[in-house]
Amino acid sequence: MTKQKDECALIGRWRITGADLWEQDHIDLCGPATLVIGPGGHGEIAFGALQAGLDLEYARTAVFFEWEGFDEMDEVRGSGSAELQDDGRLEIEFNFRNGDDAVLKAVKI
């Protein structure tokens, strides 16, 4: 893995379309839920009341990240990964430090 984009297929903006822990109305609580995977080692995610920045490491069809931000004005952090599936969708494993683990689904926009 690298901090460079090196042909990573995930770079871009993704719309989060579902989760195993929450209904879509919660996911879109503060607007359309999105994941942005930037080319320079950074990205962002927003869903529910959470907004967080990502520190990324890239593989060709996956990214791995540490994140930190705010959820309902409380500081939160964690880790996760996102992997491109055969159907072109993204599966995101999103882990809260000392808390929930969720699986999110996303499509490229």
PDB file of N, CA and C in Angstrom:
ATOM      1  N   MET A   1       0.828  -1.180   0.000  1.00  0.00           N
ATOM      2  CA  MET A   1       0.000   0.000   0.000  1.00  0.00           C
ATOM      3  C   MET A   1       0.868   1.236   0.000  1.00  0.00           C
ATOM      4  N   THR A   2       0.239   2.329  -0.386  1.00  0.00           N
ATOM      5  CA  THR A   2       0.975   3.559  -0.557  1.00  0.00           C
ATOM      6  C   THR A   2       0.109   4.751  -0.200  1.00  0.00           C
ATOM      7  N   LYS A   3       0.724   5.885   0.024  1.00  0.00           N
ATOM      8  CA  LYS A   3      -0.020   7.126   0.234  1.00  0.00           C
ATOM      9  C   LYS A   3      -0.299   7.805  -1.113  1.00  0.00           C
ATOM     10  N   GLN A   4       0.142   7.235  -2.207  1.00  0.00           N
ATOM     11  CA  GLN A   4      -0.102   7.774  -3.544  1.00  0.00           C
ATOM     12  C   GLN A   4      -1.350   7.133  -4.139  1.00  0.00           C
ATOM     13  N   LYS A   5      -1.931   7.784  -5.139  1.00  0.00           N
ATOM     14  CA  LYS A   5      -3.147   7.239  -5.749  1.00  0.00           C
ATOM     15  C   LYS A   5      -2.873   6.028  -6.628  1.00  0.00           C
ATOM     16  N   ASP A   6      -1.717   5.968  -7.302  1.00  0.00           N
ATOM     17  CA  ASP A   6      -1.274   4.805  -8.074  1.00  0.00           C
ATOM     18  C   ASP A   6      -2.391   3.978  -8.694  1.00  0.00           C
ATOM     19  N   GLU A   7      -3.154   4.599  -9.558  1.00  0.00           N
ATOM     20  CA  GLU A   7      -4.191   3.902 -10.317  1.00  0.00           C
ATOM     21  C   GLU A   7      -5.319   3.330  -9.457  1.00  0.00           C
ATOM     22  N   CYS A   8      -5.610   3.914  -8.339  1.00  0.00           N
ATOM     23  CA  CYS A   8      -6.706   3.457  -7.496  1.00  0.00           C
ATOM     24  C   CYS A   8      -8.035   3.762  -8.184  1.00  0.00           C
ATOM     25  N   ALA A   9      -8.867   2.741  -8.364  1.00  0.00           N
ATOM     26  CA  ALA A   9     -10.145   2.877  -9.063  1.00  0.00           C
ATOM     27  C   ALA A   9     -11.217   3.563  -8.216  1.00  0.00           C
ATOM     28  N   LEU A  10     -10.952   3.805  -6.943  1.00  0.00           N
ATOM     29  CA  LEU A  10     -11.971   4.340  -6.051  1.00  0.00           C
ATOM     30  C   LEU A  10     -11.967   5.862  -5.934  1.00  0.00           C
ATOM     31  N   ILE A  11     -10.962   6.526  -6.476  1.00  0.00           N
ATOM     32  CA  ILE A  11     -10.869   7.976  -6.336  1.00  0.00           C
ATOM     33  C   ILE A  11     -12.086   8.630  -6.978  1.00  0.00           C
ATOM     34  N   GLY A  12     -12.723   9.501  -6.218  1.00  0.00           N
ATOM     35  CA  GLY A  12     -13.910  10.195  -6.698  1.00  0.00           C
ATOM     36  C   GLY A  12     -14.944  10.340  -5.604  1.00  0.00           C
ATOM     37  N   ARG A  13     -16.157  10.661  -6.018  1.00  0.00           N
ATOM     38  CA  ARG A  13     -17.263  10.907  -5.087  1.00  0.00           C
ATOM     39  C   ARG A  13     -18.241   9.737  -5.167  1.00  0.00           C
ATOM     40  N   TRP A  14     -18.672   9.261  -3.999  1.00  0.00           N
ATOM     41  CA  TRP A  14     -19.560   8.114  -3.891  1.00  0.00           C
ATOM     42  C   TRP A  14     -20.785   8.485  -3.065  1.00  0.00           C
ATOM     43  N   ARG A  15     -21.943   8.000  -3.460  1.00  0.00           N
ATOM     44  CA  ARG A  15     -23.202   8.209  -2.737  1.00  0.00           C
ATOM     45  C   ARG A  15     -23.468   6.982  -1.884  1.00  0.00           C
ATOM     46  N   ILE A  16     -23.577   7.160  -0.570  1.00  0.00           N
ATOM     47  CA  ILE A  16     -23.858   6.053   0.335  1.00  0.00           C
ATOM     48  C   ILE A  16     -25.345   5.728   0.226  1.00  0.00           C
ATOM     49  N   THR A  17     -25.638   4.497  -0.155  1.00  0.00           N
ATOM     50  CA  THR A  17     -27.017   4.088  -0.470  1.00  0.00           C
ATOM     51  C   THR A  17     -27.620   3.115   0.529  1.00  0.00           C
ATOM     52  N   GLY A  18     -26.858   2.713   1.533  1.00  0.00           N
ATOM     53  CA  GLY A  18     -27.406   1.785   2.511  1.00  0.00           C
ATOM     54  C   GLY A  18     -26.395   1.431   3.575  1.00  0.00           C
ATOM     55  N   ALA A  19     -26.902   0.858   4.654  1.00  0.00           N
ATOM     56  CA  ALA A  19     -26.056   0.426   5.770  1.00  0.00           C
ATOM     57  C   ALA A  19     -26.743  -0.711   6.507  1.00  0.00           C
ATOM     58  N   ASP A  20     -25.940  -1.522   7.160  1.00  0.00           N
ATOM     59  CA  ASP A  20     -26.517  -2.634   7.923  1.00  0.00           C
ATOM     60  C   ASP A  20     -27.077  -2.190   9.273  1.00  0.00           C
ATOM     61  N   LEU A  21     -26.646  -1.060   9.811  1.00  0.00           N
ATOM     62  CA  LEU A  21     -27.089  -0.620  11.132  1.00  0.00           C
ATOM     63  C   LEU A  21     -28.183   0.440  11.116  1.00  0.00           C
ATOM     64  N   TRP A  22     -28.323   1.175  10.015  1.00  0.00           N
ATOM     65  CA  TRP A  22     -29.229   2.311   9.985  1.00  0.00           C
ATOM     66  C   TRP A  22     -30.093   2.292   8.738  1.00  0.00           C
ATOM     67  N   GLU A  23     -31.278   2.874   8.861  1.00  0.00           N
ATOM     68  CA  GLU A  23     -32.177   3.051   7.718  1.00  0.00           C
ATOM     69  C   GLU A  23     -31.683   4.239   6.884  1.00  0.00           C
ATOM     70  N   GLN A  24     -32.118   4.302   5.626  1.00  0.00           N
ATOM     71  CA  GLN A  24     -31.663   5.357   4.731  1.00  0.00           C
ATOM     72  C   GLN A  24     -32.051   6.749   5.235  1.00  0.00           C
ATOM     73  N   ASP A  25     -33.206   6.889   5.883  1.00  0.00           N
ATOM     74  CA  ASP A  25     -33.586   8.217   6.379  1.00  0.00           C
ATOM     75  C   ASP A  25     -32.614   8.710   7.444  1.00  0.00           C
ATOM     76  N   HIS A  26     -32.042   7.815   8.243  1.00  0.00           N
ATOM     77  CA  HIS A  26     -31.005   8.235   9.198  1.00  0.00           C
ATOM     78  C   HIS A  26     -29.705   8.562   8.467  1.00  0.00           C
ATOM     79  N   ILE A  27     -29.319   7.731   7.511  1.00  0.00           N
ATOM     80  CA  ILE A  27     -28.081   7.951   6.769  1.00  0.00           C
ATOM     81  C   ILE A  27     -28.090   9.336   6.114  1.00  0.00           C
ATOM     82  N   ASP A  28     -29.249   9.748   5.578  1.00  0.00           N
ATOM     83  CA  ASP A  28     -29.371  11.036   4.895  1.00  0.00           C
ATOM     84  C   ASP A  28     -29.891  12.143   5.819  1.00  0.00           C
ATOM     85  N   LEU A  29     -29.757  11.997   7.109  1.00  0.00           N
ATOM     86  CA  LEU A  29     -30.305  12.933   8.091  1.00  0.00           C
ATOM     87  C   LEU A  29     -29.925  14.390   7.821  1.00  0.00           C
ATOM     88  N   CYS A  30     -28.671  14.662   7.525  1.00  0.00           N
ATOM     89  CA  CYS A  30     -28.200  16.039   7.308  1.00  0.00           C
ATOM     90  C   CYS A  30     -27.899  16.327   5.846  1.00  0.00           C
ATOM     91  N   GLY A  31     -28.463  15.543   4.949  1.00  0.00           N
ATOM     92  CA  GLY A  31     -28.226  15.691   3.511  1.00  0.00           C
ATOM     93  C   GLY A  31     -27.789  14.369   2.932  1.00  0.00           C
ATOM     94  N   PRO A  32     -27.642  14.321   1.617  1.00  0.00           N
ATOM     95  CA  PRO A  32     -27.232  13.061   0.978  1.00  0.00           C
ATOM     96  C   PRO A  32     -25.904  12.551   1.544  1.00  0.00           C
ATOM     97  N   ALA A  33     -25.888  11.310   1.975  1.00  0.00           N
ATOM     98  CA  ALA A  33     -24.695  10.706   2.556  1.00  0.00           C
ATOM     99  C   ALA A  33     -23.662  10.457   1.455  1.00  0.00           C
ATOM    100  N   THR A  34     -22.414  10.887   1.705  1.00  0.00           N
ATOM    101  CA  THR A  34     -21.378  10.763   0.687  1.00  0.00           C
ATOM    102  C   THR A  34     -20.045  10.337   1.279  1.00  0.00           C
ATOM    103  N   LEU A  35     -19.240   9.747   0.414  1.00  0.00           N
ATOM    104  CA  LEU A  35     -17.848   9.426   0.687  1.00  0.00           C
ATOM    105  C   LEU A  35     -17.038  10.021  -0.448  1.00  0.00           C
ATOM    106  N   VAL A  36     -16.015  10.801  -0.110  1.00  0.00           N
ATOM    107  CA  VAL A  36     -15.120  11.367  -1.119  1.00  0.00           C
ATOM    108  C   VAL A  36     -13.742  10.781  -0.893  1.00  0.00           C
ATOM    109  N   ILE A  37     -13.211  10.141  -1.929  1.00  0.00           N
ATOM    110  CA  ILE A  37     -11.870   9.564  -1.886  1.00  0.00           C
ATOM    111  C   ILE A  37     -10.992  10.428  -2.776  1.00  0.00           C
ATOM    112  N   GLY A  38     -10.149  11.229  -2.144  1.00  0.00           N
ATOM    113  CA  GLY A  38      -9.285  12.147  -2.882  1.00  0.00           C
ATOM    114  C   GLY A  38      -7.986  11.490  -3.304  1.00  0.00           C
ATOM    115  N   PRO A  39      -7.270  12.101  -4.259  1.00  0.00           N
ATOM    116  CA  PRO A  39      -6.033  11.518  -4.763  1.00  0.00           C
ATOM    117  C   PRO A  39      -4.798  11.794  -3.907  1.00  0.00           C
ATOM    118  N   GLY A  40      -4.885  12.693  -2.939  1.00  0.00           N
ATOM    119  CA  GLY A  40      -3.703  13.110  -2.201  1.00  0.00           C
ATOM    120  C   GLY A  40      -3.581  12.564  -0.796  1.00  0.00           C
ATOM    121  N   GLY A  41      -4.180  11.406  -0.513  1.00  0.00           N
ATOM    122  CA  GLY A  41      -4.071  10.809   0.811  1.00  0.00           C
ATOM    123  C   GLY A  41      -5.156  11.231   1.782  1.00  0.00           C
ATOM    124  N   HIS A  42      -6.104  12.031   1.292  1.00  0.00           N
ATOM    125  CA  HIS A  42      -7.175  12.516   2.166  1.00  0.00           C
ATOM    126  C   HIS A  42      -8.531  12.356   1.507  1.00  0.00           C
ATOM    127  N   GLY A  43      -9.553  12.263   2.344  1.00  0.00           N
ATOM    128  CA  GLY A  43     -10.923  12.175   1.864  1.00  0.00           C
ATOM    129  C   GLY A  43     -11.854  12.641   2.951  1.00  0.00           C
ATOM    130  N   GLU A  44     -13.152  12.423   2.743  1.00  0.00           N
ATOM    131  CA  GLU A  44     -14.137  12.803   3.749  1.00  0.00           C
ATOM    132  C   GLU A  44     -15.358  11.912   3.628  1.00  0.00           C
ATOM    133  N   ILE A  45     -16.081  11.819   4.720  1.00  0.00           N
ATOM    134  CA  ILE A  45     -17.311  11.043   4.748  1.00  0.00           C
ATOM    135  C   ILE A  45     -18.338  11.823   5.561  1.00  0.00           C
ATOM    136  N   ALA A  46     -19.583  11.753   5.111  1.00  0.00           N
ATOM    137  CA  ALA A  46     -20.680  12.395   5.834  1.00  0.00           C
ATOM    138  C   ALA A  46     -21.909  11.516   5.701  1.00  0.00           C
ATOM    139  N   PHE A  47     -22.460  11.113   6.845  1.00  0.00           N
ATOM    140  CA  PHE A  47     -23.726  10.389   6.877  1.00  0.00           C
ATOM    141  C   PHE A  47     -24.332  10.565   8.262  1.00  0.00           C
ATOM    142  N   GLY A  48     -25.662  10.492   8.349  1.00  0.00           N
ATOM    143  CA  GLY A  48     -26.316  10.758   9.623  1.00  0.00           C
ATOM    144  C   GLY A  48     -25.927  12.143  10.093  1.00  0.00           C
ATOM    145  N   ALA A  49     -25.479  12.265  11.341  1.00  0.00           N
ATOM    146  CA  ALA A  49     -24.977  13.533  11.871  1.00  0.00           C
ATOM    147  C   ALA A  49     -23.454  13.550  11.914  1.00  0.00           C
ATOM    148  N   LEU A  50     -22.816  12.561  11.274  1.00  0.00           N
ATOM    149  CA  LEU A  50     -21.364  12.443  11.295  1.00  0.00           C
ATOM    150  C   LEU A  50     -20.750  13.162  10.104  1.00  0.00           C
ATOM    151  N   GLN A  51     -19.690  13.901  10.361  1.00  0.00           N
ATOM    152  CA  GLN A  51     -18.832  14.471   9.329  1.00  0.00           C
ATOM    153  C   GLN A  51     -17.406  14.218   9.768  1.00  0.00           C
ATOM    154  N   ALA A  52     -16.601  13.613   8.881  1.00  0.00           N
ATOM    155  CA  ALA A  52     -15.247  13.231   9.275  1.00  0.00           C
ATOM    156  C   ALA A  52     -14.286  13.338   8.104  1.00  0.00           C
ATOM    157  N   GLY A  53     -13.035  13.589   8.432  1.00  0.00           N
ATOM    158  CA  GLY A  53     -11.954  13.551   7.459  1.00  0.00           C
ATOM    159  C   GLY A  53     -11.280  12.195   7.496  1.00  0.00           C
ATOM    160  N   LEU A  54     -10.748  11.779   6.350  1.00  0.00           N
ATOM    161  CA  LEU A  54     -10.101  10.476   6.212  1.00  0.00           C
ATOM    162  C   LEU A  54      -8.631  10.650   5.865  1.00  0.00           C
ATOM    163  N   ASP A  55      -7.766   9.851   6.458  1.00  0.00           N
ATOM    164  CA  ASP A  55      -6.377   9.697   6.030  1.00  0.00           C
ATOM    165  C   ASP A  55      -6.311   8.357   5.324  1.00  0.00           C
ATOM    166  N   LEU A  56      -5.985   8.390   4.023  1.00  0.00           N
ATOM    167  CA  LEU A  56      -6.128   7.224   3.156  1.00  0.00           C
ATOM    168  C   LEU A  56      -4.814   6.543   2.810  1.00  0.00           C
ATOM    169  N   GLU A  57      -4.884   5.241   2.614  1.00  0.00           N
ATOM    170  CA  GLU A  57      -3.855   4.440   1.964  1.00  0.00           C
ATOM    171  C   GLU A  57      -4.555   3.706   0.834  1.00  0.00           C
ATOM    172  N   TYR A  58      -3.889   3.614  -0.323  1.00  0.00           N
ATOM    173  CA  TYR A  58      -4.539   3.113  -1.531  1.00  0.00           C
ATOM    174  C   TYR A  58      -4.023   1.750  -1.966  1.00  0.00           C
ATOM    175  N   ALA A  59      -4.922   0.963  -2.516  1.00  0.00           N
ATOM    176  CA  ALA A  59      -4.606  -0.213  -3.318  1.00  0.00           C
ATOM    177  C   ALA A  59      -5.364  -0.012  -4.632  1.00  0.00           C
ATOM    178  N   ARG A  60      -5.247  -0.900  -5.581  1.00  0.00           N
ATOM    179  CA  ARG A  60      -5.900  -0.692  -6.878  1.00  0.00           C
ATOM    180  C   ARG A  60      -7.415  -0.647  -6.760  1.00  0.00           C
ATOM    181  N   THR A  61      -8.013  -1.564  -6.001  1.00  0.00           N
ATOM    182  CA  THR A  61      -9.476  -1.616  -5.898  1.00  0.00           C
ATOM    183  C   THR A  61      -9.962  -1.480  -4.459  1.00  0.00           C
ATOM    184  N   ALA A  62      -9.138  -0.861  -3.609  1.00  0.00           N
ATOM    185  CA  ALA A  62      -9.517  -0.686  -2.202  1.00  0.00           C
ATOM    186  C   ALA A  62      -8.778   0.515  -1.616  1.00  0.00           C
ATOM    187  N   VAL A  63      -9.332   1.039  -0.545  1.00  0.00           N
ATOM    188  CA  VAL A  63      -8.638   2.027   0.277  1.00  0.00           C
ATOM    189  C   VAL A  63      -8.790   1.615   1.731  1.00  0.00           C
ATOM    190  N   PHE A  64      -7.834   2.023   2.523  1.00  0.00           N
ATOM    191  CA  PHE A  64      -7.843   1.788   3.959  1.00  0.00           C
ATOM    192  C   PHE A  64      -7.685   3.149   4.610  1.00  0.00           C
ATOM    193  N   PHE A  65      -8.376   3.374   5.727  1.00  0.00           N
ATOM    194  CA  PHE A  65      -8.346   4.719   6.288  1.00  0.00           C
ATOM    195  C   PHE A  65      -8.486   4.749   7.804  1.00  0.00           C
ATOM    196  N   GLU A  66      -7.944   5.811   8.361  1.00  0.00           N
ATOM    197  CA  GLU A  66      -8.204   6.252   9.728  1.00  0.00           C
ATOM    198  C   GLU A  66      -9.064   7.497   9.556  1.00  0.00           C
ATOM    199  N   TRP A  67     -10.011   7.712  10.448  1.00  0.00           N
ATOM    200  CA  TRP A  67     -10.871   8.879  10.316  1.00  0.00           C
ATOM    201  C   TRP A  67     -11.078   9.540  11.666  1.00  0.00           C
ATOM    202  N   GLU A  68     -11.379  10.847  11.612  1.00  0.00           N
ATOM    203  CA  GLU A  68     -11.807  11.550  12.811  1.00  0.00           C
ATOM    204  C   GLU A  68     -12.665  12.728  12.408  1.00  0.00           C
ATOM    205  N   GLY A  69     -13.632  13.022  13.292  1.00  0.00           N
ATOM    206  CA  GLY A  69     -14.558  14.099  13.006  1.00  0.00           C
ATOM    207  C   GLY A  69     -15.539  14.280  14.144  1.00  0.00           C
ATOM    208  N   PHE A  70     -16.779  14.638  13.778  1.00  0.00           N
ATOM    209  CA  PHE A  70     -17.808  14.935  14.764  1.00  0.00           C
ATOM    210  C   PHE A  70     -19.096  14.200  14.422  1.00  0.00           C
ATOM    211  N   ASP A  71     -19.763  13.701  15.445  1.00  0.00           N
ATOM    212  CA  ASP A  71     -21.073  13.076  15.321  1.00  0.00           C
ATOM    213  C   ASP A  71     -21.948  13.708  16.393  1.00  0.00           C
ATOM    214  N   GLU A  72     -22.939  14.469  15.978  1.00  0.00           N
ATOM    215  CA  GLU A  72     -23.784  15.226  16.904  1.00  0.00           C
ATOM    216  C   GLU A  72     -22.936  16.076  17.847  1.00  0.00           C
ATOM    217  N   MET A  73     -21.914  16.719  17.299  1.00  0.00           N
ATOM    218  CA  MET A  73     -21.011  17.637  17.991  1.00  0.00           C
ATOM    219  C   MET A  73     -20.062  16.952  18.971  1.00  0.00           C
ATOM    220  N   ASP A  74     -20.062  15.619  19.030  1.00  0.00           N
ATOM    221  CA  ASP A  74     -19.092  14.882  19.836  1.00  0.00           C
ATOM    222  C   ASP A  74     -17.927  14.461  18.951  1.00  0.00           C
ATOM    223  N   GLU A  75     -16.697  14.604  19.467  1.00  0.00           N
ATOM    224  CA  GLU A  75     -15.539  14.143  18.717  1.00  0.00           C
ATOM    225  C   GLU A  75     -15.552  12.624  18.644  1.00  0.00           C
ATOM    226  N   VAL A  76     -15.335  12.100  17.443  1.00  0.00           N
ATOM    227  CA  VAL A  76     -15.298  10.655  17.222  1.00  0.00           C
ATOM    228  C   VAL A  76     -14.149  10.327  16.287  1.00  0.00           C
ATOM    229  N   ARG A  77     -13.722   9.080  16.319  1.00  0.00           N
ATOM    230  CA  ARG A  77     -12.645   8.616  15.437  1.00  0.00           C
ATOM    231  C   ARG A  77     -12.762   7.120  15.242  1.00  0.00           C
ATOM    232  N   GLY A  78     -12.021   6.633  14.278  1.00  0.00           N
ATOM    233  CA  GLY A  78     -12.042   5.203  14.032  1.00  0.00           C
ATOM    234  C   GLY A  78     -11.211   4.851  12.821  1.00  0.00           C
ATOM    235  N   SER A  79     -11.551   3.737  12.214  1.00  0.00           N
ATOM    236  CA  SER A  79     -10.818   3.234  11.055  1.00  0.00           C
ATOM    237  C   SER A  79     -11.802   2.565  10.114  1.00  0.00           C
ATOM    238  N   GLY A  80     -11.313   2.164   8.965  1.00  0.00           N
ATOM    239  CA  GLY A  80     -12.177   1.463   8.035  1.00  0.00           C
ATOM    240  C   GLY A  80     -11.484   1.145   6.730  1.00  0.00           C
ATOM    241  N   SER A  81     -12.279   0.638   5.831  1.00  0.00           N
ATOM    242  CA  SER A  81     -11.788   0.312   4.493  1.00  0.00           C
ATOM    243  C   SER A  81     -12.963   0.363   3.531  1.00  0.00           C
ATOM    244  N   ALA A  82     -12.641   0.490   2.272  1.00  0.00           N
ATOM    245  CA  ALA A  82     -13.651   0.448   1.213  1.00  0.00           C
ATOM    246  C   ALA A  82     -13.089  -0.396   0.081  1.00  0.00           C
ATOM    247  N   GLU A  83     -13.928  -1.286  -0.440  1.00  0.00           N
ATOM    248  CA  GLU A  83     -13.480  -2.191  -1.492  1.00  0.00           C
ATOM    249  C   GLU A  83     -14.488  -2.202  -2.627  1.00  0.00           C
ATOM    250  N   LEU A  84     -13.970  -2.111  -3.848  1.00  0.00           N
ATOM    251  CA  LEU A  84     -14.796  -2.160  -5.040  1.00  0.00           C
ATOM    252  C   LEU A  84     -15.292  -3.583  -5.253  1.00  0.00           C
ATOM    253  N   GLN A  85     -16.600  -3.730  -5.444  1.00  0.00           N
ATOM    254  CA  GLN A  85     -17.211  -5.038  -5.668  1.00  0.00           C
ATOM    255  C   GLN A  85     -17.302  -5.324  -7.171  1.00  0.00           C
ATOM    256  N   ASP A  86     -17.560  -6.561  -7.530  1.00  0.00           N
ATOM    257  CA  ASP A  86     -17.642  -6.953  -8.936  1.00  0.00           C
ATOM    258  C   ASP A  86     -18.728  -6.200  -9.700  1.00  0.00           C
ATOM    259  N   ASP A  87     -19.797  -5.774  -9.011  1.00  0.00           N
ATOM    260  CA  ASP A  87     -20.889  -5.060  -9.687  1.00  0.00           C
ATOM    261  C   ASP A  87     -20.651  -3.550  -9.785  1.00  0.00           C
ATOM    262  N   GLY A  88     -19.458  -3.076  -9.379  1.00  0.00           N
ATOM    263  CA  GLY A  88     -19.121  -1.656  -9.476  1.00  0.00           C
ATOM    264  C   GLY A  88     -19.505  -0.846  -8.247  1.00  0.00           C
ATOM    265  N   ARG A  89     -20.188  -1.473  -7.309  1.00  0.00           N
ATOM    266  CA  ARG A  89     -20.553  -0.784  -6.062  1.00  0.00           C
ATOM    267  C   ARG A  89     -19.383  -0.851  -5.078  1.00  0.00           C
ATOM    268  N   LEU A  90     -19.468  -0.019  -4.073  1.00  0.00           N
ATOM    269  CA  LEU A  90     -18.450   0.036  -3.048  1.00  0.00           C
ATOM    270  C   LEU A  90     -19.005  -0.542  -1.750  1.00  0.00           C
ATOM    271  N   GLU A  91     -18.222  -1.368  -1.077  1.00  0.00           N
ATOM    272  CA  GLU A  91     -18.579  -1.846   0.256  1.00  0.00           C
ATOM    273  C   GLU A  91     -17.590  -1.227   1.236  1.00  0.00           C
ATOM    274  N   ILE A  92     -18.138  -0.517   2.229  1.00  0.00           N
ATOM    275  CA  ILE A  92     -17.326   0.232   3.184  1.00  0.00           C
ATOM    276  C   ILE A  92     -17.487  -0.404   4.563  1.00  0.00           C
ATOM    277  N   GLU A  93     -16.380  -0.803   5.160  1.00  0.00           N
ATOM    278  CA  GLU A  93     -16.387  -1.245   6.555  1.00  0.00           C
ATOM    279  C   GLU A  93     -15.977  -0.040   7.375  1.00  0.00           C
ATOM    280  N   PHE A  94     -16.874   0.419   8.252  1.00  0.00           N
ATOM    281  CA  PHE A  94     -16.684   1.660   8.998  1.00  0.00           C
ATOM    282  C   PHE A  94     -16.726   1.355  10.487  1.00  0.00           C
ATOM    283  N   ASN A  95     -15.615   1.592  11.171  1.00  0.00           N
ATOM    284  CA  ASN A  95     -15.470   1.218  12.571  1.00  0.00           C
ATOM    285  C   ASN A  95     -15.295   2.445  13.450  1.00  0.00           C
ATOM    286  N   PHE A  96     -16.143   2.565  14.458  1.00  0.00           N
ATOM    287  CA  PHE A  96     -15.996   3.603  15.470  1.00  0.00           C
ATOM    288  C   PHE A  96     -15.054   3.085  16.546  1.00  0.00           C
ATOM    289  N   ARG A  97     -14.095   3.895  16.959  1.00  0.00           N
ATOM    290  CA  ARG A  97     -13.205   3.502  18.048  1.00  0.00           C
ATOM    291  C   ARG A  97     -14.042   3.282  19.306  1.00  0.00           C
ATOM    292  N   ASN A  98     -13.910   2.122  19.909  1.00  0.00           N
ATOM    293  CA  ASN A  98     -14.665   1.740  21.109  1.00  0.00           C
ATOM    294  C   ASN A  98     -16.178   1.807  20.893  1.00  0.00           C
ATOM    295  N   GLY A  99     -16.626   1.449  19.691  1.00  0.00           N
ATOM    296  CA  GLY A  99     -18.053   1.533  19.413  1.00  0.00           C
ATOM    297  C   GLY A  99     -18.504   0.595  18.315  1.00  0.00           C
ATOM    298  N   ASP A 100     -19.501   1.039  17.554  1.00  0.00           N
ATOM    299  CA  ASP A 100     -20.108   0.217  16.517  1.00  0.00           C
ATOM    300  C   ASP A 100     -19.199  -0.027  15.321  1.00  0.00           C
ATOM    301  N   ASP A 101     -19.447  -1.126  14.650  1.00  0.00           N
ATOM    302  CA  ASP A 101     -18.870  -1.431  13.350  1.00  0.00           C
ATOM    303  C   ASP A 101     -20.021  -1.534  12.385  1.00  0.00           C
ATOM    304  N   ALA A 102     -19.906  -0.856  11.251  1.00  0.00           N
ATOM    305  CA  ALA A 102     -20.990  -0.842  10.270  1.00  0.00           C
ATOM    306  C   ALA A 102     -20.456  -1.206   8.892  1.00  0.00           C
ATOM    307  N   VAL A 103     -21.352  -1.715   8.057  1.00  0.00           N
ATOM    308  CA  VAL A 103     -21.046  -1.945   6.652  1.00  0.00           C
ATOM    309  C   VAL A 103     -21.980  -1.036   5.855  1.00  0.00           C
ATOM    310  N   LEU A 104     -21.374  -0.175   5.042  1.00  0.00           N
ATOM    311  CA  LEU A 104     -22.106   0.761   4.197  1.00  0.00           C
ATOM    312  C   LEU A 104     -21.947   0.350   2.746  1.00  0.00           C
ATOM    313  N   LYS A 105     -22.916   0.683   1.932  1.00  0.00           N
ATOM    314  CA  LYS A 105     -22.867   0.445   0.480  1.00  0.00           C
ATOM    315  C   LYS A 105     -22.902   1.792  -0.215  1.00  0.00           C
ATOM    316  N   ALA A 106     -22.210   1.903  -1.349  1.00  0.00           N
ATOM    317  CA  ALA A 106     -22.170   3.173  -2.074  1.00  0.00           C
ATOM    318  C   ALA A 106     -22.045   2.933  -3.576  1.00  0.00           C
ATOM    319  N   VAL A 107     -22.487   3.933  -4.347  1.00  0.00           N
ATOM    320  CA  VAL A 107     -22.357   3.929  -5.803  1.00  0.00           C
ATOM    321  C   VAL A 107     -21.635   5.209  -6.207  1.00  0.00           C
ATOM    322  N   LYS A 108     -20.871   5.140  -7.280  1.00  0.00           N
ATOM    323  CA  LYS A 108     -20.116   6.300  -7.743  1.00  0.00           C
ATOM    324  C   LYS A 108     -21.061   7.322  -8.358  1.00  0.00           C
ATOM    325  N   ILE A 109     -20.795   8.603  -8.042  1.00  0.00           N
ATOM    326  CA  ILE A 109     -21.600   9.683  -8.625  1.00  0.00           C
ATOM    327  C   ILE A 109     -20.710  10.665  -9.357  1.00  0.00           C
TER     328      ILE A 109
END
